[in-house]
Amino acid sequence: MSRNLTPKSIDASHITIAQLMQSESANNLGNVHGGWIMKLVDEAGALACMRHSQHRVVTVAIDQMVFNHPIRIGDLVILDAEITYTGRTSMEAEVQVVAENPITGKRTHTNTAYLVYVALDENGKPTVVPHIRAKKPAQKRRMEQAKERQSRRLVQKK
């Protein structure tokens, strides 16, 4: 099966997920459980990578997840994800997490996560992905930062 590997714009991979946090996602303090947010972050990152590669993907790395502010039951959690780096078969996604009080509209950035995924072909083997193209200066800076993160990951792996 031939595929189009023409570079794609970063904007084309962008995905937004919004979900109301309810009691089933609460920890024993009454806030949203960190594991619940990690699951949503992984899903958002994977969707951005699937949109870019047009393939199923698997998570291979999460750099770190720092929760700067609690997310409360009743908050709307908004996750924005897009590709920041592409290798041969791998992609890095940046996921921004914001909690919004739907009554007041107040928004709080709770964390940013960087995750790495590998695209899989129909046989479950890694497959080549298109490169990304930055249109804006901020995207170009984020691509350079992503290349540095990937270089560090490869050094740590050795």
Foldseek 3Di string as FASTA:
>chain_A
DDDDQAAAAQVQLKDKDKDQAADVQQDPVQFGDPVVVVVVQVVRQQSSVCSQFVAHKDWDDKPDKDFQDTAHHGWMKMKIKTWQWFDFFKTKMKIWIWTANVVVRDIDTTTIIITMIGGADPVRHGHGTHTYDYDDPVSVVSNVVVVVVVVVVVVVVD
